[in-house]
Protein backbone atom coordinates (compact mmCIF):
# COMPACT_ATOMS: atom_id res chain seq x y z
CA MET A 1 21.91 37.11 0.97
CA SER A 2 18.36 38.26 1.60
CA ALA A 3 15.33 36.99 -0.27
CA THR A 4 12.57 39.17 -1.61
CA VAL A 5 9.19 37.89 -0.55
CA MET A 6 5.61 38.49 -1.61
CA VAL A 7 2.53 38.25 0.59
CA LEU A 8 -0.48 36.63 -1.05
CA PRO A 9 -3.23 38.32 0.97
CA SER A 10 -6.64 36.97 1.88
CA LYS A 11 -9.61 38.27 3.82
CA GLU A 12 -9.33 35.06 5.83
CA PRO A 13 -6.13 35.22 7.93
CA GLU A 14 -5.54 31.45 7.77
CA LYS A 15 -5.40 31.66 3.96
CA ILE A 16 -2.65 34.31 3.80
CA ARG A 17 0.47 32.90 2.13
CA LEU A 18 4.09 34.04 1.86
CA VAL A 19 6.33 33.14 -1.07
CA SER A 20 9.89 33.99 -1.99
CA ILE A 21 10.44 35.58 -5.38
CA PRO A 22 13.02 34.06 -7.76
CA GLU A 23 16.31 35.96 -7.51
CA ASP A 24 16.36 36.82 -11.20
CA MET A 25 12.86 38.38 -11.16
CA GLU A 26 12.12 42.02 -10.41
CA SER A 27 9.25 42.85 -8.04
CA HIS A 28 6.85 44.21 -10.66
CA GLU A 29 7.56 41.24 -12.93
CA ALA A 30 7.03 38.82 -10.03
CA PHE A 31 3.63 40.35 -9.24
CA ARG A 32 2.43 40.02 -12.83
CA HIS A 33 3.88 36.53 -13.23
CA ALA A 34 2.36 35.25 -9.98
CA THR A 35 -1.02 36.71 -10.97
CA GLY A 36 -0.89 34.79 -14.26
CA VAL A 37 0.25 31.55 -12.64
CA ILE A 38 -2.51 31.71 -10.02
CA ALA A 39 -5.17 32.51 -12.64
CA ALA A 40 -4.02 29.62 -14.84
CA ALA A 41 -4.07 27.17 -11.91
CA GLU A 42 -7.57 28.30 -10.92
CA GLU A 43 -8.80 28.07 -14.52
CA ALA A 44 -7.31 24.61 -15.05
CA ASN A 45 -9.10 23.22 -12.00
CA PRO A 46 -12.33 24.83 -10.74
CA ASP A 47 -11.92 22.83 -7.50
CA PHE A 48 -8.37 24.10 -6.96
CA THR A 49 -6.68 24.01 -3.59
CA TRP A 50 -3.74 25.96 -2.20
CA GLU A 51 -1.54 22.98 -3.03
CA ASP A 52 -2.45 23.29 -6.73
CA ILE A 53 -1.46 26.96 -6.71
CA GLU A 54 1.65 26.27 -4.65
CA ASP A 55 2.80 23.61 -7.13
CA ALA A 56 2.26 25.97 -10.06
CA LEU A 57 4.13 28.79 -8.34
CA GLU A 58 7.01 26.48 -7.40
CA ALA A 59 7.26 25.35 -11.02
CA SER A 60 7.88 29.04 -11.85
CA GLY A 61 10.60 29.44 -9.23
CA PHE A 62 8.58 30.83 -6.33
CA ARG A 63 8.95 29.08 -2.96
CA SER A 64 6.31 28.85 -0.28
CA LEU A 65 7.57 30.04 3.12
CA GLY A 66 6.25 29.43 6.59
CA PHE A 67 5.45 32.46 8.74
CA LEU A 68 3.83 33.53 11.95
CA LEU A 69 0.98 36.01 11.61
CA GLY A 70 1.62 38.75 14.13
CA PRO A 71 -0.72 41.16 15.84
CA ALA A 72 -2.71 43.64 13.77
CA LEU A 73 -1.30 47.15 13.35
CA ASP A 74 -4.68 48.85 12.96
């Protein structure tokens, strides 16, 4: 069984996040859903942190994953 994952990019490398997508969610649906969840978490708390967003995503079935940022491919 392989998981589908989504990268949450950032201009700051230390703020890049990786989450697994719920098994019953298609990629395009996951993108739209995550966008809405993140926007709602940011709107609910102007002083939001990653943990606030992570909690909101996890409540929707996404799971935060650890990763190692590799060398740039540029």
